Every structure is written in C-alpha cells, then in structure tokens.
Amino acid sequence: MIDIGINLTNQRFHEDLELVIENAKLSGVNALMVTGTSIEESQQALALCLQHPDYLYCTAGIHPHDAKTFDDKSLESLRKLAVNKQVKAIGECGLDFNRNFSTPAEQEFSFVQQLELAVELQLPVFMHERDANERFIELLKPYIKQLPNAVLHCFTGSQADLERCLALDLHIGITGWICDERRGGELIDLVKLIPQDRLMIETDGPYLLPRSMRPKPKSSRNEPKYLPYIAQAVANARGESLKQLVQQTEQNSKLFFKL
C-alpha cells in the first residue's frame, strides 16, 4: 500500500513522528507521500523526506486555503524545491469555495500558476477541490494534455463531479471519508465507477479518521497505519478482494509518482 496524502508536517505528528512512520511500515504501508500545502510546509516536507529517502516522498505546492500568500517569490521557491528528486508532484493546489480562506480570485491565480509550473517541470499535479468542481475543471482543462499526470485527492463530490474528472482522465484519491456514515454514503456507490487504473488511496492524516473503525481509536488523529482499514472499505464498496485492491492501487501510485 502507498498513502498518497499524509500531512506529516502537521503539529499533531511532532511528538511521535518516528513512531508514526514505524507503525506505518508495520501495517504494510510501503511509502508515504507527504503533502506540501504552503512554501514553509513544503520545505518541511522535503526536510522530512531527506531523513527517510527510501520511504518518504513529497509534493510541493500552495493549498487554496493559503492562496492569499502566493506572491512574486512563490513560483521560484516551488521551482527550487521541485528540483529535488524526493519531490514527486506540484501541489496541493486547486480550489476550495467551501471555506474561502483565500478569495476565489486568489485561489484561481495560485492554481493556474502552479499548473503552469507543473507543465514547465513536467511533474504531476496533486489537487484539491471542494464546492468548486465546474470552475476547477474549466481552469484545469487547457493544461491537462500537457501534464504528465494529475490526481484529485480526497474526492468527496457528486457523480457529476466524478464524471467530469474522469472525462479528463484524472486519477482519484479516496480517503476515510468513505468510512463516514454521515457523509460517505454516496461515495460508497461512486467508488465503483472509478476505473481500476485511476484509483489511489490515502489517509489525509491527521484528518478524516475512519469513523466506522471498531474498536474506535482513543485519539481522533488519523495516521498511515489506518490505511489498510480504508483499503478494505474501498475493496468492499467495489466488490473486490483486499489483495486485488491493494496491488492495483500500489501499482497506480508507483506509476503516477514514478517511485
């Protein structure tokens, strides 16, 4: 298994990071993709990866929440980070019109700038989208054929959203959202529609602890050791064996990120 989205730079991992990594390995997770969400977080992600170069890899980007921080120096900072072989994608970038921590205009500018950088560097993009699917697709579409690969991580949208994404041949990342009885019911049905070679799995820890885990962990922190539980939920929803699902998603992730 490969966890394609884990926020290891989050402060909730600071006290026991080495244990989190060790427990991931013991749980059958063979690589972690550490998410970069700002210049600072991307720098921290790369520093972590350099300490564990055969196990940790990362993205470098500016999340839509942080798009307001995008300035004249941002692209050059991302370009310098992306030269390192541990950096496997540009992102997390995209649009989030749910919370609008940055204005839509700031988000769109930051997203397009990062798409252009990914094309220039010929790196995949690791993307976020919430309540903005049609505009997200509209901005992405002119670049998609120039990009080596693109994934929408933590998919939580509708069938129409998924169909628009698959029409552009996007990869789709599935998290513990599928284990949430309050919000994940639609995703259980939709995950069947994702082609085998487009599906990847992730925890997005420390967020989105699978709510249906029994016994329920004492901590609300999600972490990579719980990826097998998410994999089983996805396999069940798709009517596949766990072994089949794990082999396919790991192969997809290795090809996507060139691991």
C-alpha atoms as a PDB file:
ATOM      1  CA  MET A   1       0.000   0.000   0.000  1.00  0.00           C
ATOM      2  CA  ILE A   2       1.029   3.595  -0.604  1.00  0.00           C
ATOM      3  CA  ASP A   3      -0.505   6.525   1.284  1.00  0.00           C
ATOM      4  CA  ILE A   4      -0.602   9.240  -1.389  1.00  0.00           C
ATOM      5  CA  GLY A   5      -1.678  12.027   1.000  1.00  0.00           C
ATOM      6  CA  ILE A   6      -0.387  12.410   4.558  1.00  0.00           C
ATOM      7  CA  ASN A   7       0.202  15.740   6.335  1.00  0.00           C
ATOM      8  CA  LEU A   8       3.206  14.640   8.383  1.00  0.00           C
ATOM      9  CA  THR A   9       4.311  18.243   8.940  1.00  0.00           C
ATOM     10  CA  ASN A  10       1.137  18.867  10.961  1.00  0.00           C
ATOM     11  CA  GLN A  11       1.862  19.656  14.607  1.00  0.00           C
ATOM     12  CA  ARG A  12      -0.185  16.640  15.720  1.00  0.00           C
ATOM     13  CA  PHE A  13       2.683  14.427  14.491  1.00  0.00           C
ATOM     14  CA  HIS A  14       5.531  16.403  16.078  1.00  0.00           C
ATOM     15  CA  GLU A  15       5.871  14.423  19.313  1.00  0.00           C
ATOM     16  CA  ASP A  16       5.944  10.879  17.924  1.00  0.00           C
ATOM     17  CA  LEU A  17       6.763  11.179  14.229  1.00  0.00           C
ATOM     18  CA  GLU A  18       9.272   8.319  14.169  1.00  0.00           C
ATOM     19  CA  LEU A  19       6.737   6.009  15.824  1.00  0.00           C
ATOM     20  CA  VAL A  20       4.075   7.027  13.285  1.00  0.00           C
ATOM     21  CA  ILE A  21       6.457   6.122  10.446  1.00  0.00           C
ATOM     22  CA  GLU A  22       7.429   2.828  12.070  1.00  0.00           C
ATOM     23  CA  ASN A  23       3.792   1.871  12.681  1.00  0.00           C
ATOM     24  CA  ALA A  24       3.000   2.649   9.041  1.00  0.00           C
ATOM     25  CA  LYS A  25       5.703   0.225   7.929  1.00  0.00           C
ATOM     26  CA  LEU A  26       4.461  -2.468  10.330  1.00  0.00           C
ATOM     27  CA  SER A  27       0.937  -2.034   8.891  1.00  0.00           C
ATOM     28  CA  GLY A  28       2.076  -2.833   5.342  1.00  0.00           C
ATOM     29  CA  VAL A  29       2.286   0.732   4.049  1.00  0.00           C
ATOM     30  CA  ASN A  30       5.281   0.760   1.702  1.00  0.00           C
ATOM     31  CA  ALA A  31       5.652   4.500   1.044  1.00  0.00           C
ATOM     32  CA  LEU A  32       4.240   7.806   2.251  1.00  0.00           C
ATOM     33  CA  MET A  33       3.628  10.877   0.116  1.00  0.00           C
ATOM     34  CA  VAL A  34       3.945  13.893   2.425  1.00  0.00           C
ATOM     35  CA  THR A  35       1.694  16.768   1.356  1.00  0.00           C
ATOM     36  CA  GLY A  36       3.086  20.281   0.889  1.00  0.00           C
ATOM     37  CA  THR A  37       0.428  22.940   1.487  1.00  0.00           C
ATOM     38  CA  SER A  38       2.486  26.160   1.617  1.00  0.00           C
ATOM     39  CA  ILE A  39       6.073  27.180   0.922  1.00  0.00           C
ATOM     40  CA  GLU A  40       7.004  26.603   4.568  1.00  0.00           C
ATOM     41  CA  GLU A  41       5.144  23.297   4.835  1.00  0.00           C
ATOM     42  CA  SER A  42       6.638  22.121   1.529  1.00  0.00           C
ATOM     43  CA  GLN A  43      10.123  22.922   2.808  1.00  0.00           C
ATOM     44  CA  GLN A  44       9.400  20.997   5.999  1.00  0.00           C
ATOM     45  CA  ALA A  45       8.002  18.088   3.980  1.00  0.00           C
ATOM     46  CA  LEU A  46      11.173  17.877   1.897  1.00  0.00           C
ATOM     47  CA  ALA A  47      13.361  18.035   5.016  1.00  0.00           C
ATOM     48  CA  LEU A  48      11.445  15.057   6.429  1.00  0.00           C
ATOM     49  CA  CYS A  49      11.843  13.136   3.186  1.00  0.00           C
ATOM     50  CA  LEU A  50      15.594  13.680   3.165  1.00  0.00           C
ATOM     51  CA  GLN A  51      15.733  11.962   6.564  1.00  0.00           C
ATOM     52  CA  HIS A  52      13.839   8.927   5.172  1.00  0.00           C
ATOM     53  CA  PRO A  53      14.734   8.976   1.451  1.00  0.00           C
ATOM     54  CA  ASP A  54      13.641   5.406   0.694  1.00  0.00           C
ATOM     55  CA  TYR A  55      10.248   5.704   2.378  1.00  0.00           C
ATOM     56  CA  LEU A  56       9.051   9.322   2.357  1.00  0.00           C
ATOM     57  CA  TYR A  57       8.353  11.378  -0.765  1.00  0.00           C
ATOM     58  CA  CYS A  58       6.519  14.675  -1.018  1.00  0.00           C
ATOM     59  CA  THR A  59       4.671  17.273  -3.015  1.00  0.00           C
ATOM     60  CA  ALA A  60       5.484  20.988  -3.145  1.00  0.00           C
ATOM     61  CA  GLY A  61       2.672  23.475  -3.511  1.00  0.00           C
ATOM     62  CA  ILE A  62       0.290  26.057  -2.109  1.00  0.00           C
ATOM     63  CA  HIS A  63      -3.134  24.896  -0.941  1.00  0.00           C
ATOM     64  CA  PRO A  64      -6.149  27.023  -1.939  1.00  0.00           C
ATOM     65  CA  HIS A  65      -6.572  27.973   1.737  1.00  0.00           C
ATOM     66  CA  ASP A  66      -3.092  29.546   1.547  1.00  0.00           C
ATOM     67  CA  ALA A  67      -3.500  31.066  -1.925  1.00  0.00           C
ATOM     68  CA  LYS A  68      -3.537  34.537  -0.380  1.00  0.00           C
ATOM     69  CA  THR A  69       0.173  34.010   0.462  1.00  0.00           C
ATOM     70  CA  PHE A  70       1.091  33.464  -3.201  1.00  0.00           C
ATOM     71  CA  ASP A  71       3.472  36.241  -4.287  1.00  0.00           C
ATOM     72  CA  ASP A  72       6.251  37.014  -6.751  1.00  0.00           C
ATOM     73  CA  LYS A  73       8.664  34.709  -4.909  1.00  0.00           C
ATOM     74  CA  SER A  74       6.347  31.724  -4.613  1.00  0.00           C
ATOM     75  CA  LEU A  75       6.972  30.168  -8.021  1.00  0.00           C
ATOM     76  CA  GLU A  76      10.737  30.405  -7.667  1.00  0.00           C
ATOM     77  CA  SER A  77      10.566  28.829  -4.213  1.00  0.00           C
ATOM     78  CA  LEU A  78       8.466  25.942  -5.553  1.00  0.00           C
ATOM     79  CA  ARG A  79      10.777  25.559  -8.543  1.00  0.00           C
ATOM     80  CA  LYS A  80      13.810  25.236  -6.244  1.00  0.00           C
ATOM     81  CA  LEU A  81      12.036  22.643  -4.103  1.00  0.00           C
ATOM     82  CA  ALA A  82      10.895  20.637  -7.111  1.00  0.00           C
ATOM     83  CA  VAL A  83      14.457  20.114  -8.326  1.00  0.00           C
ATOM     84  CA  ASN A  84      14.934  17.591  -5.515  1.00  0.00           C
ATOM     85  CA  LYS A  85      14.212  14.005  -6.530  1.00  0.00           C
ATOM     86  CA  GLN A  86      12.102  13.448  -3.389  1.00  0.00           C
ATOM     87  CA  VAL A  87       9.531  15.943  -4.702  1.00  0.00           C
ATOM     88  CA  LYS A  88       7.182  13.939  -6.902  1.00  0.00           C
ATOM     89  CA  ALA A  89       4.372  16.385  -7.704  1.00  0.00           C
ATOM     90  CA  ILE A  90       3.294  20.021  -7.619  1.00  0.00           C
ATOM     91  CA  GLY A  91       0.535  20.682  -5.097  1.00  0.00           C
ATOM     92  CA  GLU A  92      -1.565  20.527  -3.044  1.00  0.00           C
ATOM     93  CA  CYS A  93      -3.181  23.081  -5.319  1.00  0.00           C
ATOM     94  CA  GLY A  94      -6.701  23.713  -6.542  1.00  0.00           C
ATOM     95  CA  LEU A  95      -9.904  25.428  -5.445  1.00  0.00           C
ATOM     96  CA  ASP A  96     -11.918  25.413  -2.215  1.00  0.00           C
ATOM     97  CA  PHE A  97     -15.063  27.510  -2.432  1.00  0.00           C
ATOM     98  CA  ASN A  98     -16.452  25.833   0.699  1.00  0.00           C
ATOM     99  CA  ARG A  99     -14.464  27.868   3.227  1.00  0.00           C
ATOM    100  CA  ASN A 100     -12.880  30.584   1.071  1.00  0.00           C
ATOM    101  CA  PHE A 101      -9.965  31.185   3.461  1.00  0.00           C
ATOM    102  CA  SER A 102      -8.497  32.860   0.371  1.00  0.00           C
ATOM    103  CA  THR A 103     -10.713  34.664  -2.128  1.00  0.00           C
ATOM    104  CA  PRO A 104     -11.822  32.795  -5.259  1.00  0.00           C
ATOM    105  CA  ALA A 105      -9.692  35.150  -7.367  1.00  0.00           C
ATOM    106  CA  GLU A 106      -6.603  34.440  -5.237  1.00  0.00           C
ATOM    107  CA  GLN A 107      -7.265  30.702  -5.429  1.00  0.00           C
ATOM    108  CA  GLU A 108      -7.696  30.702  -9.196  1.00  0.00           C
ATOM    109  CA  PHE A 109      -4.495  32.690  -9.763  1.00  0.00           C
ATOM    110  CA  SER A 110      -2.462  30.423  -7.483  1.00  0.00           C
ATOM    111  CA  PHE A 111      -3.926  27.265  -9.076  1.00  0.00           C
ATOM    112  CA  VAL A 112      -3.163  28.350 -12.653  1.00  0.00           C
ATOM    113  CA  GLN A 113       0.361  29.437 -11.746  1.00  0.00           C
ATOM    114  CA  GLN A 114       1.049  26.009 -10.238  1.00  0.00           C
ATOM    115  CA  LEU A 115      -0.462  24.213 -13.246  1.00  0.00           C
ATOM    116  CA  GLU A 116       1.886  26.173 -15.493  1.00  0.00           C
ATOM    117  CA  LEU A 117       4.844  25.296 -13.261  1.00  0.00           C
ATOM    118  CA  ALA A 118       3.926  21.594 -13.353  1.00  0.00           C
ATOM    119  CA  VAL A 119       3.802  21.739 -17.160  1.00  0.00           C
ATOM    120  CA  GLU A 120       7.174  23.508 -17.242  1.00  0.00           C
ATOM    121  CA  LEU A 121       8.802  20.959 -14.912  1.00  0.00           C
ATOM    122  CA  GLN A 122       6.826  18.000 -16.298  1.00  0.00           C
ATOM    123  CA  LEU A 123       5.677  16.930 -12.851  1.00  0.00           C
ATOM    124  CA  PRO A 124       2.232  15.565 -11.938  1.00  0.00           C
ATOM    125  CA  VAL A 125      -0.207  17.756 -10.023  1.00  0.00           C
ATOM    126  CA  PHE A 126      -1.736  16.827  -6.660  1.00  0.00           C
ATOM    127  CA  MET A 127      -5.026  18.699  -6.437  1.00  0.00           C
ATOM    128  CA  HIS A 128      -7.747  19.739  -4.003  1.00  0.00           C
ATOM    129  CA  GLU A 129     -11.315  20.705  -4.894  1.00  0.00           C
ATOM    130  CA  ARG A 130     -14.292  21.453  -2.692  1.00  0.00           C
ATOM    131  CA  ASP A 131     -17.576  23.004  -3.857  1.00  0.00           C
ATOM    132  CA  ALA A 132     -15.852  24.291  -6.995  1.00  0.00           C
ATOM    133  CA  ASN A 133     -15.874  21.416  -9.451  1.00  0.00           C
ATOM    134  CA  GLU A 134     -17.085  23.116 -12.614  1.00  0.00           C
ATOM    135  CA  ARG A 135     -14.654  26.035 -12.263  1.00  0.00           C
ATOM    136  CA  PHE A 136     -11.889  23.625 -11.239  1.00  0.00           C
ATOM    137  CA  ILE A 137     -12.384  21.598 -14.418  1.00  0.00           C
ATOM    138  CA  GLU A 138     -12.617  24.769 -16.520  1.00  0.00           C
ATOM    139  CA  LEU A 139      -9.219  26.002 -15.277  1.00  0.00           C
ATOM    140  CA  LEU A 140      -7.548  22.584 -15.474  1.00  0.00           C
ATOM    141  CA  LYS A 141      -8.767  21.581 -18.929  1.00  0.00           C
ATOM    142  CA  PRO A 142      -6.357  23.735 -21.027  1.00  0.00           C
ATOM    143  CA  TYR A 143      -3.367  22.169 -19.234  1.00  0.00           C
ATOM    144  CA  ILE A 144      -4.387  18.541 -18.879  1.00  0.00           C
ATOM    145  CA  LYS A 145      -2.818  17.228 -22.098  1.00  0.00           C
ATOM    146  CA  GLN A 146       0.460  18.967 -21.267  1.00  0.00           C
ATOM    147  CA  LEU A 147       0.701  17.431 -17.779  1.00  0.00           C
ATOM    148  CA  PRO A 148       2.336  14.028 -17.232  1.00  0.00           C
ATOM    149  CA  ASN A 149      -0.392  13.125 -14.696  1.00  0.00           C
ATOM    150  CA  ALA A 150      -2.999  14.664 -12.392  1.00  0.00           C
ATOM    151  CA  VAL A 151      -4.845  13.432  -9.299  1.00  0.00           C
ATOM    152  CA  LEU A 152      -7.781  14.915  -7.421  1.00  0.00           C
ATOM    153  CA  HIS A 153      -7.053  13.812  -3.892  1.00  0.00           C
ATOM    154  CA  CYS A 154      -9.677  13.206  -1.194  1.00  0.00           C
ATOM    155  CA  PHE A 155     -12.612  13.028  -3.606  1.00  0.00           C
ATOM    156  CA  THR A 156     -15.894  13.862  -1.838  1.00  0.00           C
ATOM    157  CA  GLY A 157     -18.057  15.145  -4.691  1.00  0.00           C
ATOM    158  CA  SER A 158     -21.123  14.095  -6.636  1.00  0.00           C
ATOM    159  CA  GLN A 159     -21.482  11.689  -9.556  1.00  0.00           C
ATOM    160  CA  ALA A 160     -21.488  14.649 -11.955  1.00  0.00           C
ATOM    161  CA  ASP A 161     -18.252  15.887 -10.358  1.00  0.00           C
ATOM    162  CA  LEU A 162     -16.659  12.447 -10.712  1.00  0.00           C
ATOM    163  CA  GLU A 163     -17.755  12.110 -14.334  1.00  0.00           C
ATOM    164  CA  ARG A 164     -16.189  15.484 -15.183  1.00  0.00           C
ATOM    165  CA  CYS A 165     -12.943  14.405 -13.517  1.00  0.00           C
ATOM    166  CA  LEU A 166     -12.835  11.039 -15.266  1.00  0.00           C
ATOM    167  CA  ALA A 167     -13.552  12.704 -18.603  1.00  0.00           C
ATOM    168  CA  LEU A 168     -10.162  14.431 -18.158  1.00  0.00           C
ATOM    169  CA  ASP A 169      -8.533  11.100 -17.185  1.00  0.00           C
ATOM    170  CA  LEU A 170      -7.781  12.301 -13.670  1.00  0.00           C
ATOM    171  CA  HIS A 171      -6.656   9.867 -11.014  1.00  0.00           C
ATOM    172  CA  ILE A 172      -8.883   9.871  -7.923  1.00  0.00           C
ATOM    173  CA  GLY A 173      -7.686   9.607  -4.320  1.00  0.00           C
ATOM    174  CA  ILE A 174     -10.051   8.033  -1.777  1.00  0.00           C
ATOM    175  CA  THR A 175      -9.753   8.675   1.974  1.00  0.00           C
ATOM    176  CA  GLY A 176     -11.534   7.613   5.156  1.00  0.00           C
ATOM    177  CA  TRP A 177     -14.449   9.795   4.039  1.00  0.00           C
ATOM    178  CA  ILE A 178     -15.802   6.546   2.604  1.00  0.00           C
ATOM    179  CA  CYS A 179     -15.973   5.214   6.192  1.00  0.00           C
ATOM    180  CA  ASP A 180     -18.166   8.082   7.432  1.00  0.00           C
ATOM    181  CA  GLU A 181     -21.788   7.019   7.803  1.00  0.00           C
ATOM    182  CA  ARG A 182     -22.887  10.682   7.934  1.00  0.00           C
ATOM    183  CA  ARG A 183     -21.227  11.892   4.739  1.00  0.00           C
ATOM    184  CA  GLY A 184     -19.701   8.961   2.857  1.00  0.00           C
ATOM    185  CA  GLY A 185     -22.781   7.060   1.674  1.00  0.00           C
ATOM    186  CA  GLU A 186     -22.731   8.491  -1.834  1.00  0.00           C
ATOM    187  CA  LEU A 187     -19.000   7.798  -2.173  1.00  0.00           C
ATOM    188  CA  ILE A 188     -19.572   4.092  -1.442  1.00  0.00           C
ATOM    189  CA  ASP A 189     -21.655   3.939  -4.634  1.00  0.00           C
ATOM    190  CA  LEU A 190     -19.450   6.246  -6.697  1.00  0.00           C
ATOM    191  CA  VAL A 191     -16.157   4.477  -5.987  1.00  0.00           C
ATOM    192  CA  LYS A 192     -17.347   1.606  -8.193  1.00  0.00           C
ATOM    193  CA  LEU A 193     -17.283   3.973 -11.175  1.00  0.00           C
ATOM    194  CA  ILE A 194     -13.552   4.768 -10.907  1.00  0.00           C
ATOM    195  CA  PRO A 195     -11.512   2.764 -13.441  1.00  0.00           C
ATOM    196  CA  GLN A 196      -9.003   0.371 -11.871  1.00  0.00           C
ATOM    197  CA  ASP A 197      -6.011   2.236 -13.249  1.00  0.00           C
ATOM    198  CA  ARG A 198      -7.219   5.623 -11.937  1.00  0.00           C
ATOM    199  CA  LEU A 199      -7.778   4.740  -8.278  1.00  0.00           C
ATOM    200  CA  MET A 200      -5.424   5.547  -5.382  1.00  0.00           C
ATOM    201  CA  ILE A 201      -5.860   5.520  -1.591  1.00  0.00           C
ATOM    202  CA  GLU A 202      -4.775   7.861   1.176  1.00  0.00           C
ATOM    203  CA  THR A 203      -5.380   8.776   4.804  1.00  0.00           C
ATOM    204  CA  ASP A 204      -5.079  12.593   4.582  1.00  0.00           C
ATOM    205  CA  GLY A 205      -3.996  12.286   8.226  1.00  0.00           C
ATOM    206  CA  PRO A 206      -4.246  13.735  10.780  1.00  0.00           C
ATOM    207  CA  TYR A 207      -7.671  14.485   9.293  1.00  0.00           C
ATOM    208  CA  LEU A 208     -10.538  12.128   8.386  1.00  0.00           C
ATOM    209  CA  LEU A 209     -10.042   9.307  10.877  1.00  0.00           C
ATOM    210  CA  PRO A 210     -12.309   6.491   9.584  1.00  0.00           C
ATOM    211  CA  ARG A 211     -15.422   6.841  11.754  1.00  0.00           C
ATOM    212  CA  SER A 212     -16.502   3.231  11.341  1.00  0.00           C
ATOM    213  CA  MET A 213     -13.325   1.761  12.881  1.00  0.00           C
ATOM    214  CA  ARG A 214     -14.033  -0.709  15.688  1.00  0.00           C
ATOM    215  CA  PRO A 215     -12.698  -0.565  18.292  1.00  0.00           C
ATOM    216  CA  LYS A 216     -12.575   3.197  17.897  1.00  0.00           C
ATOM    217  CA  PRO A 217      -9.056   4.595  18.488  1.00  0.00           C
ATOM    218  CA  LYS A 218      -8.613   6.676  21.630  1.00  0.00           C
ATOM    219  CA  SER A 219      -7.159   9.543  19.592  1.00  0.00           C
ATOM    220  CA  SER A 220      -9.037  11.340  16.818  1.00  0.00           C
ATOM    221  CA  ARG A 221      -5.763  11.631  14.883  1.00  0.00           C
ATOM    222  CA  ASN A 222      -5.709   9.749  11.606  1.00  0.00           C
ATOM    223  CA  GLU A 223      -2.377   8.254  10.538  1.00  0.00           C
ATOM    224  CA  PRO A 224      -0.922   5.932   7.875  1.00  0.00           C
ATOM    225  CA  LYS A 225      -1.270   2.760   9.963  1.00  0.00           C
ATOM    226  CA  TYR A 226      -5.026   3.029   9.357  1.00  0.00           C
ATOM    227  CA  LEU A 227      -4.659   2.895   5.567  1.00  0.00           C
ATOM    228  CA  PRO A 228      -5.416  -0.877   5.482  1.00  0.00           C
ATOM    229  CA  TYR A 229      -8.815  -0.132   7.010  1.00  0.00           C
ATOM    230  CA  ILE A 230      -9.572   2.410   4.277  1.00  0.00           C
ATOM    231  CA  ALA A 231      -8.338  -0.064   1.651  1.00  0.00           C
ATOM    232  CA  GLN A 232     -10.727  -2.711   2.983  1.00  0.00           C
ATOM    233  CA  ALA A 233     -13.656  -0.265   2.887  1.00  0.00           C
ATOM    234  CA  VAL A 234     -12.854   0.654  -0.726  1.00  0.00           C
ATOM    235  CA  ALA A 235     -12.462  -3.016  -1.702  1.00  0.00           C
ATOM    236  CA  ASN A 236     -15.810  -3.859  -0.103  1.00  0.00           C
ATOM    237  CA  ALA A 237     -17.534  -0.997  -1.912  1.00  0.00           C
ATOM    238  CA  ARG A 238     -16.071  -2.086  -5.250  1.00  0.00           C
ATOM    239  CA  GLY A 239     -16.749  -5.785  -4.732  1.00  0.00           C
ATOM    240  CA  GLU A 240     -13.043  -6.626  -4.961  1.00  0.00           C
ATOM    241  CA  SER A 241     -10.691  -8.583  -2.753  1.00  0.00           C
ATOM    242  CA  LEU A 242      -8.422  -6.606  -0.462  1.00  0.00           C
ATOM    243  CA  LYS A 243      -5.391  -8.166  -2.142  1.00  0.00           C
ATOM    244  CA  GLN A 244      -6.574  -7.100  -5.594  1.00  0.00           C
ATOM    245  CA  LEU A 245      -7.345  -3.551  -4.436  1.00  0.00           C
ATOM    246  CA  VAL A 246      -4.002  -3.141  -2.650  1.00  0.00           C
ATOM    247  CA  GLN A 247      -1.962  -4.459  -5.592  1.00  0.00           C
ATOM    248  CA  GLN A 248      -3.768  -2.270  -8.117  1.00  0.00           C
ATOM    249  CA  THR A 249      -3.646   0.969  -6.117  1.00  0.00           C
ATOM    250  CA  GLU A 250       0.018   0.481  -5.232  1.00  0.00           C
ATOM    251  CA  GLN A 251       0.869  -0.088  -8.886  1.00  0.00           C
ATOM    252  CA  ASN A 252      -1.109   3.031  -9.851  1.00  0.00           C
ATOM    253  CA  SER A 253       0.686   5.121  -7.242  1.00  0.00           C
ATOM    254  CA  LYS A 254       4.145   3.911  -8.261  1.00  0.00           C
ATOM    255  CA  LEU A 255       3.471   4.723 -11.901  1.00  0.00           C
ATOM    256  CA  PHE A 256       1.882   8.081 -11.126  1.00  0.00           C
ATOM    257  CA  PHE A 257       4.668   9.362  -8.868  1.00  0.00           C
ATOM    258  CA  LYS A 258       7.472   7.419 -10.588  1.00  0.00           C
ATOM    259  CA  LEU A 259       8.508   5.699  -7.373  1.00  0.00           C
END
